[in-house]
Amino acid sequence: MGLAEEIRSRLQEAFAPTRLEVRNDSARHAGHAGDDGTGESHWHVAIEAPAFADMSRLARHRAVHDALGPDIMGRIHALGLEIG
């Protein structure tokens, strides 16, 4: 399973989102700081789920990071989040 599918699977399991988009932006950052050459260093996630309704922006970001876990978060350099 590739990293995109791992991210998608963990977020689907944790939040049952009504909208989930996972985009690998690593190619746009090739040669920049944090580019480890794997092609899986920079990600963007757009997610909407009822679970986020009563959370602050910071709590939403923390919840996504927690759902992904240290094993995924430790393998990526940058994660852009669009949470609704």
PDB file of N, CA and C in Angstrom:
ATOM      1  N   MET A   1       0.848  -1.178   0.000  1.00  0.00           N
ATOM      2  CA  MET A   1       0.000   0.000   0.000  1.00  0.00           C
ATOM      3  C   MET A   1       0.889   1.235   0.000  1.00  0.00           C
ATOM      4  N   GLY A   2       0.611   2.163  -0.892  1.00  0.00           N
ATOM      5  CA  GLY A   2       1.366   3.410  -0.953  1.00  0.00           C
ATOM      6  C   GLY A   2       0.946   4.363   0.156  1.00  0.00           C
ATOM      7  N   LEU A   3       1.734   5.395   0.345  1.00  0.00           N
ATOM      8  CA  LEU A   3       1.475   6.343   1.421  1.00  0.00           C
ATOM      9  C   LEU A   3       0.137   7.055   1.234  1.00  0.00           C
ATOM     10  N   ALA A   4      -0.224   7.406   0.014  1.00  0.00           N
ATOM     11  CA  ALA A   4      -1.516   8.070  -0.221  1.00  0.00           C
ATOM     12  C   ALA A   4      -2.663   7.195   0.286  1.00  0.00           C
ATOM     13  N   GLU A   5      -2.584   5.917   0.004  1.00  0.00           N
ATOM     14  CA  GLU A   5      -3.648   5.008   0.445  1.00  0.00           C
ATOM     15  C   GLU A   5      -3.626   4.822   1.961  1.00  0.00           C
ATOM     16  N   GLU A   6      -2.453   4.822   2.562  1.00  0.00           N
ATOM     17  CA  GLU A   6      -2.365   4.734   4.023  1.00  0.00           C
ATOM     18  C   GLU A   6      -3.023   5.947   4.674  1.00  0.00           C
ATOM     19  N   ILE A   7      -2.707   7.129   4.147  1.00  0.00           N
ATOM     20  CA  ILE A   7      -3.306   8.360   4.668  1.00  0.00           C
ATOM     21  C   ILE A   7      -4.823   8.299   4.521  1.00  0.00           C
ATOM     22  N   ARG A   8      -5.280   7.981   3.330  1.00  0.00           N
ATOM     23  CA  ARG A   8      -6.716   7.906   3.046  1.00  0.00           C
ATOM     24  C   ARG A   8      -7.404   6.898   3.987  1.00  0.00           C
ATOM     25  N   SER A   9      -6.815   5.742   4.159  1.00  0.00           N
ATOM     26  CA  SER A   9      -7.395   4.694   4.988  1.00  0.00           C
ATOM     27  C   SER A   9      -7.521   5.125   6.448  1.00  0.00           C
ATOM     28  N   ARG A  10      -6.469   5.712   6.988  1.00  0.00           N
ATOM     29  CA  ARG A  10      -6.493   6.133   8.400  1.00  0.00           C
ATOM     30  C   ARG A  10      -7.533   7.229   8.639  1.00  0.00           C
ATOM     31  N   LEU A  11      -7.607   8.176   7.704  1.00  0.00           N
ATOM     32  CA  LEU A  11      -8.564   9.269   7.878  1.00  0.00           C
ATOM     33  C   LEU A  11      -9.997   8.784   7.684  1.00  0.00           C
ATOM     34  N   GLN A  12     -10.188   7.874   6.760  1.00  0.00           N
ATOM     35  CA  GLN A  12     -11.518   7.294   6.542  1.00  0.00           C
ATOM     36  C   GLN A  12     -11.975   6.560   7.800  1.00  0.00           C
ATOM     37  N   GLU A  13     -11.086   5.779   8.370  1.00  0.00           N
ATOM     38  CA  GLU A  13     -11.408   5.009   9.572  1.00  0.00           C
ATOM     39  C   GLU A  13     -11.682   5.915  10.765  1.00  0.00           C
ATOM     40  N   ALA A  14     -10.912   6.966  10.926  1.00  0.00           N
ATOM     41  CA  ALA A  14     -11.026   7.834  12.099  1.00  0.00           C
ATOM     42  C   ALA A  14     -12.226   8.772  12.035  1.00  0.00           C
ATOM     43  N   PHE A  15     -12.574   9.259  10.835  1.00  0.00           N
ATOM     44  CA  PHE A  15     -13.559  10.334  10.747  1.00  0.00           C
ATOM     45  C   PHE A  15     -14.777  10.045   9.866  1.00  0.00           C
ATOM     46  N   ALA A  16     -14.791   8.972   9.099  1.00  0.00           N
ATOM     47  CA  ALA A  16     -15.876   8.692   8.157  1.00  0.00           C
ATOM     48  C   ALA A  16     -16.254   9.972   7.403  1.00  0.00           C
ATOM     49  N   PRO A  17     -15.306  10.561   6.699  1.00  0.00           N
ATOM     50  CA  PRO A  17     -15.548  11.871   6.080  1.00  0.00           C
ATOM     51  C   PRO A  17     -16.574  11.837   4.948  1.00  0.00           C
ATOM     52  N   THR A  18     -17.224  12.979   4.777  1.00  0.00           N
ATOM     53  CA  THR A  18     -18.139  13.154   3.655  1.00  0.00           C
ATOM     54  C   THR A  18     -17.375  13.609   2.418  1.00  0.00           C
ATOM     55  N   ARG A  19     -16.196  14.131   2.626  1.00  0.00           N
ATOM     56  CA  ARG A  19     -15.296  14.535   1.537  1.00  0.00           C
ATOM     57  C   ARG A  19     -13.873  14.250   1.989  1.00  0.00           C
ATOM     58  N   LEU A  20     -13.093  13.623   1.117  1.00  0.00           N
ATOM     59  CA  LEU A  20     -11.694  13.347   1.438  1.00  0.00           C
ATOM     60  C   LEU A  20     -10.878  13.354   0.153  1.00  0.00           C
ATOM     61  N   GLU A  21      -9.923  14.256   0.094  1.00  0.00           N
ATOM     62  CA  GLU A  21      -8.998  14.330  -1.028  1.00  0.00           C
ATOM     63  C   GLU A  21      -7.583  14.292  -0.478  1.00  0.00           C
ATOM     64  N   VAL A  22      -6.780  13.408  -1.005  1.00  0.00           N
ATOM     65  CA  VAL A  22      -5.379  13.287  -0.611  1.00  0.00           C
ATOM     66  C   VAL A  22      -4.544  13.519  -1.858  1.00  0.00           C
ATOM     67  N   ARG A  23      -3.682  14.530  -1.812  1.00  0.00           N
ATOM     68  CA  ARG A  23      -2.887  14.891  -2.985  1.00  0.00           C
ATOM     69  C   ARG A  23      -1.402  14.915  -2.625  1.00  0.00           C
ATOM     70  N   ASN A  24      -0.622  14.259  -3.441  1.00  0.00           N
ATOM     71  CA  ASN A  24       0.823  14.248  -3.272  1.00  0.00           C
ATOM     72  C   ASN A  24       1.395  15.457  -4.014  1.00  0.00           C
ATOM     73  N   ASP A  25       1.938  16.408  -3.273  1.00  0.00           N
ATOM     74  CA  ASP A  25       2.528  17.621  -3.843  1.00  0.00           C
ATOM     75  C   ASP A  25       4.053  17.557  -3.892  1.00  0.00           C
ATOM     76  N   SER A  26       4.624  16.404  -3.681  1.00  0.00           N
ATOM     77  CA  SER A  26       6.077  16.271  -3.582  1.00  0.00           C
ATOM     78  C   SER A  26       6.817  16.757  -4.817  1.00  0.00           C
ATOM     79  N   ALA A  27       6.283  16.503  -5.994  1.00  0.00           N
ATOM     80  CA  ALA A  27       6.963  16.912  -7.229  1.00  0.00           C
ATOM     81  C   ALA A  27       7.135  18.419  -7.299  1.00  0.00           C
ATOM     82  N   ARG A  28       6.202  19.157  -6.713  1.00  0.00           N
ATOM     83  CA  ARG A  28       6.292  20.622  -6.707  1.00  0.00           C
ATOM     84  C   ARG A  28       7.411  21.120  -5.796  1.00  0.00           C
ATOM     85  N   HIS A  29       7.918  20.254  -4.940  1.00  0.00           N
ATOM     86  CA  HIS A  29       8.937  20.648  -3.962  1.00  0.00           C
ATOM     87  C   HIS A  29      10.267  19.930  -4.176  1.00  0.00           C
ATOM     88  N   ALA A  30      10.424  19.301  -5.312  1.00  0.00           N
ATOM     89  CA  ALA A  30      11.668  18.578  -5.610  1.00  0.00           C
ATOM     90  C   ALA A  30      12.858  19.523  -5.489  1.00  0.00           C
ATOM     91  N   GLY A  31      13.859  19.081  -4.759  1.00  0.00           N
ATOM     92  CA  GLY A  31      15.068  19.872  -4.572  1.00  0.00           C
ATOM     93  C   GLY A  31      14.984  20.889  -3.450  1.00  0.00           C
ATOM     94  N   HIS A  32      13.803  21.074  -2.870  1.00  0.00           N
ATOM     95  CA  HIS A  32      13.633  22.016  -1.764  1.00  0.00           C
ATOM     96  C   HIS A  32      13.956  21.325  -0.444  1.00  0.00           C
ATOM     97  N   ALA A  33      14.022  22.123   0.599  1.00  0.00           N
ATOM     98  CA  ALA A  33      14.246  21.569   1.932  1.00  0.00           C
ATOM     99  C   ALA A  33      13.153  20.566   2.252  1.00  0.00           C
ATOM    100  N   GLY A  34      13.521  19.467   2.821  1.00  0.00           N
ATOM    101  CA  GLY A  34      12.560  18.448   3.203  1.00  0.00           C
ATOM    102  C   GLY A  34      12.296  17.414   2.132  1.00  0.00           C
ATOM    103  N   ASP A  35      12.764  17.659   0.916  1.00  0.00           N
ATOM    104  CA  ASP A  35      12.609  16.670  -0.152  1.00  0.00           C
ATOM    105  C   ASP A  35      13.624  15.568   0.095  1.00  0.00           C
ATOM    106  N   ASP A  36      13.114  14.395   0.451  1.00  0.00           N
ATOM    107  CA  ASP A  36      14.017  13.288   0.778  1.00  0.00           C
ATOM    108  C   ASP A  36      14.264  12.355  -0.404  1.00  0.00           C
ATOM    109  N   GLY A  37      13.720  12.713  -1.568  1.00  0.00           N
ATOM    110  CA  GLY A  37      13.941  11.916  -2.761  1.00  0.00           C
ATOM    111  C   GLY A  37      12.988  10.744  -2.935  1.00  0.00           C
ATOM    112  N   THR A  38      12.076  10.543  -1.983  1.00  0.00           N
ATOM    113  CA  THR A  38      11.141   9.425  -2.081  1.00  0.00           C
ATOM    114  C   THR A  38       9.948   9.734  -2.966  1.00  0.00           C
ATOM    115  N   GLY A  39       9.698  11.015  -3.190  1.00  0.00           N
ATOM    116  CA  GLY A  39       8.503  11.410  -3.925  1.00  0.00           C
ATOM    117  C   GLY A  39       7.256  11.365  -3.062  1.00  0.00           C
ATOM    118  N   GLU A  40       7.445  11.237  -1.752  1.00  0.00           N
ATOM    119  CA  GLU A  40       6.315  11.175  -0.821  1.00  0.00           C
ATOM    120  C   GLU A  40       6.585  12.024   0.415  1.00  0.00           C
ATOM    121  N   SER A  41       7.071  13.248   0.204  1.00  0.00           N
ATOM    122  CA  SER A  41       7.454  14.097   1.327  1.00  0.00           C
ATOM    123  C   SER A  41       6.478  15.239   1.613  1.00  0.00           C
ATOM    124  N   HIS A  42       5.712  15.660   0.616  1.00  0.00           N
ATOM    125  CA  HIS A  42       4.814  16.811   0.754  1.00  0.00           C
ATOM    126  C   HIS A  42       3.395  16.407   0.343  1.00  0.00           C
ATOM    127  N   TRP A  43       2.438  16.643   1.248  1.00  0.00           N
ATOM    128  CA  TRP A  43       1.063  16.198   1.027  1.00  0.00           C
ATOM    129  C   TRP A  43       0.066  17.299   1.325  1.00  0.00           C
ATOM    130  N   HIS A  44      -1.083  17.193   0.688  1.00  0.00           N
ATOM    131  CA  HIS A  44      -2.206  18.091   0.966  1.00  0.00           C
ATOM    132  C   HIS A  44      -3.439  17.223   1.164  1.00  0.00           C
ATOM    133  N   VAL A  45      -4.183  17.505   2.227  1.00  0.00           N
ATOM    134  CA  VAL A  45      -5.408  16.763   2.523  1.00  0.00           C
ATOM    135  C   VAL A  45      -6.552  17.753   2.681  1.00  0.00           C
ATOM    136  N   ALA A  46      -7.638  17.507   1.964  1.00  0.00           N
ATOM    137  CA  ALA A  46      -8.884  18.244   2.149  1.00  0.00           C
ATOM    138  C   ALA A  46      -9.883  17.235   2.710  1.00  0.00           C
ATOM    139  N   ILE A  47     -10.462  17.565   3.860  1.00  0.00           N
ATOM    140  CA  ILE A  47     -11.357  16.624   4.527  1.00  0.00           C
ATOM    141  C   ILE A  47     -12.510  17.376   5.174  1.00  0.00           C
ATOM    142  N   GLU A  48     -13.693  16.800   5.056  1.00  0.00           N
ATOM    143  CA  GLU A  48     -14.883  17.312   5.726  1.00  0.00           C
ATOM    144  C   GLU A  48     -15.550  16.142   6.424  1.00  0.00           C
ATOM    145  N   ALA A  49     -15.923  16.362   7.676  1.00  0.00           N
ATOM    146  CA  ALA A  49     -16.574  15.299   8.441  1.00  0.00           C
ATOM    147  C   ALA A  49     -17.366  15.914   9.586  1.00  0.00           C
ATOM    148  N   PRO A  50     -18.496  15.318   9.928  1.00  0.00           N
ATOM    149  CA  PRO A  50     -19.270  15.802  11.072  1.00  0.00           C
ATOM    150  C   PRO A  50     -18.464  15.817  12.370  1.00  0.00           C
ATOM    151  N   ALA A  51     -17.495  14.944  12.491  1.00  0.00           N
ATOM    152  CA  ALA A  51     -16.681  14.868  13.712  1.00  0.00           C
ATOM    153  C   ALA A  51     -15.958  16.174  14.022  1.00  0.00           C
ATOM    154  N   PHE A  52     -15.734  17.012  13.013  1.00  0.00           N
ATOM    155  CA  PHE A  52     -15.005  18.264  13.210  1.00  0.00           C
ATOM    156  C   PHE A  52     -15.907  19.429  13.621  1.00  0.00           C
ATOM    157  N   ALA A  53     -17.212  19.222  13.625  1.00  0.00           N
ATOM    158  CA  ALA A  53     -18.174  20.313  13.805  1.00  0.00           C
ATOM    159  C   ALA A  53     -17.934  21.167  15.050  1.00  0.00           C
ATOM    160  N   ASP A  54     -17.656  20.558  16.158  1.00  0.00           N
ATOM    161  CA  ASP A  54     -17.514  21.314  17.412  1.00  0.00           C
ATOM    162  C   ASP A  54     -16.060  21.532  17.823  1.00  0.00           C
ATOM    163  N   MET A  55     -15.125  21.302  16.889  1.00  0.00           N
ATOM    164  CA  MET A  55     -13.705  21.453  17.207  1.00  0.00           C
ATOM    165  C   MET A  55     -13.176  22.801  16.720  1.00  0.00           C
ATOM    166  N   SER A  56     -12.226  23.332  17.467  1.00  0.00           N
ATOM    167  CA  SER A  56     -11.518  24.520  17.010  1.00  0.00           C
ATOM    168  C   SER A  56     -10.588  24.120  15.857  1.00  0.00           C
ATOM    169  N   ARG A  57     -10.058  25.097  15.184  1.00  0.00           N
ATOM    170  CA  ARG A  57      -9.125  24.820  14.083  1.00  0.00           C
ATOM    171  C   ARG A  57      -7.924  24.011  14.581  1.00  0.00           C
ATOM    172  N   LEU A  58      -7.382  24.411  15.705  1.00  0.00           N
ATOM    173  CA  LEU A  58      -6.228  23.707  16.267  1.00  0.00           C
ATOM    174  C   LEU A  58      -6.590  22.270  16.638  1.00  0.00           C
ATOM    175  N   ALA A  59      -7.751  22.069  17.232  1.00  0.00           N
ATOM    176  CA  ALA A  59      -8.180  20.720  17.615  1.00  0.00           C
ATOM    177  C   ALA A  59      -8.368  19.843  16.378  1.00  0.00           C
ATOM    178  N   ARG A  60      -8.869  20.410  15.292  1.00  0.00           N
ATOM    179  CA  ARG A  60      -9.041  19.654  14.049  1.00  0.00           C
ATOM    180  C   ARG A  60      -7.686  19.184  13.515  1.00  0.00           C
ATOM    181  N   HIS A  61      -6.727  20.103  13.500  1.00  0.00           N
ATOM    182  CA  HIS A  61      -5.388  19.746  13.006  1.00  0.00           C
ATOM    183  C   HIS A  61      -4.765  18.667  13.887  1.00  0.00           C
ATOM    184  N   ARG A  62      -4.895  18.821  15.188  1.00  0.00           N
ATOM    185  CA  ARG A  62      -4.347  17.809  16.100  1.00  0.00           C
ATOM    186  C   ARG A  62      -5.016  16.456  15.896  1.00  0.00           C
ATOM    187  N   ALA A  63      -6.332  16.469  15.673  1.00  0.00           N
ATOM    188  CA  ALA A  63      -7.064  15.220  15.473  1.00  0.00           C
ATOM    189  C   ALA A  63      -6.585  14.501  14.214  1.00  0.00           C
ATOM    190  N   VAL A  64      -6.335  15.248  13.152  1.00  0.00           N
ATOM    191  CA  VAL A  64      -5.838  14.637  11.917  1.00  0.00           C
ATOM    192  C   VAL A  64      -4.441  14.078  12.146  1.00  0.00           C
ATOM    193  N   HIS A  65      -3.575  14.846  12.786  1.00  0.00           N
ATOM    194  CA  HIS A  65      -2.220  14.367  13.067  1.00  0.00           C
ATOM    195  C   HIS A  65      -2.274  13.100  13.929  1.00  0.00           C
ATOM    196  N   ASP A  66      -3.135  13.093  14.935  1.00  0.00           N
ATOM    197  CA  ASP A  66      -3.267  11.921  15.803  1.00  0.00           C
ATOM    198  C   ASP A  66      -3.774  10.713  15.013  1.00  0.00           C
ATOM    199  N   ALA A  67      -4.739  10.942  14.126  1.00  0.00           N
ATOM    200  CA  ALA A  67      -5.289   9.839  13.333  1.00  0.00           C
ATOM    201  C   ALA A  67      -4.236   9.245  12.407  1.00  0.00           C
ATOM    202  N   LEU A  68      -3.383  10.092  11.862  1.00  0.00           N
ATOM    203  CA  LEU A  68      -2.327   9.597  10.972  1.00  0.00           C
ATOM    204  C   LEU A  68      -1.257   8.853  11.759  1.00  0.00           C
ATOM    205  N   GLY A  69      -1.025   9.279  12.983  1.00  0.00           N
ATOM    206  CA  GLY A  69      -0.069   8.601  13.845  1.00  0.00           C
ATOM    207  C   GLY A  69       1.373   8.970  13.569  1.00  0.00           C
ATOM    208  N   PRO A  70       2.239   8.681  14.529  1.00  0.00           N
ATOM    209  CA  PRO A  70       3.647   9.063  14.412  1.00  0.00           C
ATOM    210  C   PRO A  70       4.377   8.354  13.280  1.00  0.00           C
ATOM    211  N   ASP A  71       3.932   7.166  12.902  1.00  0.00           N
ATOM    212  CA  ASP A  71       4.625   6.457  11.832  1.00  0.00           C
ATOM    213  C   ASP A  71       4.438   7.166  10.490  1.00  0.00           C
ATOM    214  N   ILE A  72       3.249   7.672  10.207  1.00  0.00           N
ATOM    215  CA  ILE A  72       3.043   8.420   8.960  1.00  0.00           C
ATOM    216  C   ILE A  72       3.605   9.824   9.094  1.00  0.00           C
ATOM    217  N   MET A  73       3.303  10.504  10.192  1.00  0.00           N
ATOM    218  CA  MET A  73       3.779  11.881  10.362  1.00  0.00           C
ATOM    219  C   MET A  73       5.308  11.948  10.335  1.00  0.00           C
ATOM    220  N   GLY A  74       5.968  10.903  10.808  1.00  0.00           N
ATOM    221  CA  GLY A  74       7.420  10.871  10.807  1.00  0.00           C
ATOM    222  C   GLY A  74       8.032  10.647   9.431  1.00  0.00           C
ATOM    223  N   ARG A  75       7.214  10.195   8.479  1.00  0.00           N
ATOM    224  CA  ARG A  75       7.717   9.920   7.134  1.00  0.00           C
ATOM    225  C   ARG A  75       7.500  11.072   6.160  1.00  0.00           C
ATOM    226  N   ILE A  76       6.767  12.091   6.575  1.00  0.00           N
ATOM    227  CA  ILE A  76       6.512  13.202   5.658  1.00  0.00           C
ATOM    228  C   ILE A  76       7.112  14.487   6.196  1.00  0.00           C
ATOM    229  N   HIS A  77       7.418  15.395   5.301  1.00  0.00           N
ATOM    230  CA  HIS A  77       8.007  16.679   5.679  1.00  0.00           C
ATOM    231  C   HIS A  77       6.936  17.755   5.876  1.00  0.00           C
ATOM    232  N   ALA A  78       5.932  17.768   4.997  1.00  0.00           N
ATOM    233  CA  ALA A  78       4.927  18.821   5.049  1.00  0.00           C
ATOM    234  C   ALA A  78       3.545  18.238   4.778  1.00  0.00           C
ATOM    235  N   LEU A  79       2.567  18.744   5.550  1.00  0.00           N
ATOM    236  CA  LEU A  79       1.182  18.328   5.389  1.00  0.00           C
ATOM    237  C   LEU A  79       0.305  19.565   5.406  1.00  0.00           C
ATOM    238  N   GLY A  80      -0.249  19.892   4.259  1.00  0.00           N
ATOM    239  CA  GLY A  80      -1.211  20.994   4.181  1.00  0.00           C
ATOM    240  C   GLY A  80      -2.589  20.451   4.466  1.00  0.00           C
ATOM    241  N   LEU A  81      -3.341  21.141   5.342  1.00  0.00           N
ATOM    242  CA  LEU A  81      -4.663  20.653   5.721  1.00  0.00           C
ATOM    243  C   LEU A  81      -5.734  21.689   5.411  1.00  0.00           C
ATOM    244  N   GLU A  82      -6.804  21.213   4.836  1.00  0.00           N
ATOM    245  CA  GLU A  82      -8.006  21.993   4.561  1.00  0.00           C
ATOM    246  C   GLU A  82      -9.127  21.198   5.217  1.00  0.00           C
ATOM    247  N   ILE A  83      -9.577  21.643   6.390  1.00  0.00           N
ATOM    248  CA  ILE A  83     -10.510  20.848   7.191  1.00  0.00           C
ATOM    249  C   ILE A  83     -11.829  21.582   7.352  1.00  0.00           C
ATOM    250  N   GLY A  84     -12.905  20.886   7.048  1.00  0.00           N
ATOM    251  CA  GLY A  84     -14.233  21.495   7.179  1.00  0.00           C
ATOM    252  C   GLY A  84     -15.164  20.617   7.944  1.00  0.00           C
TER     253      GLY A  84
END
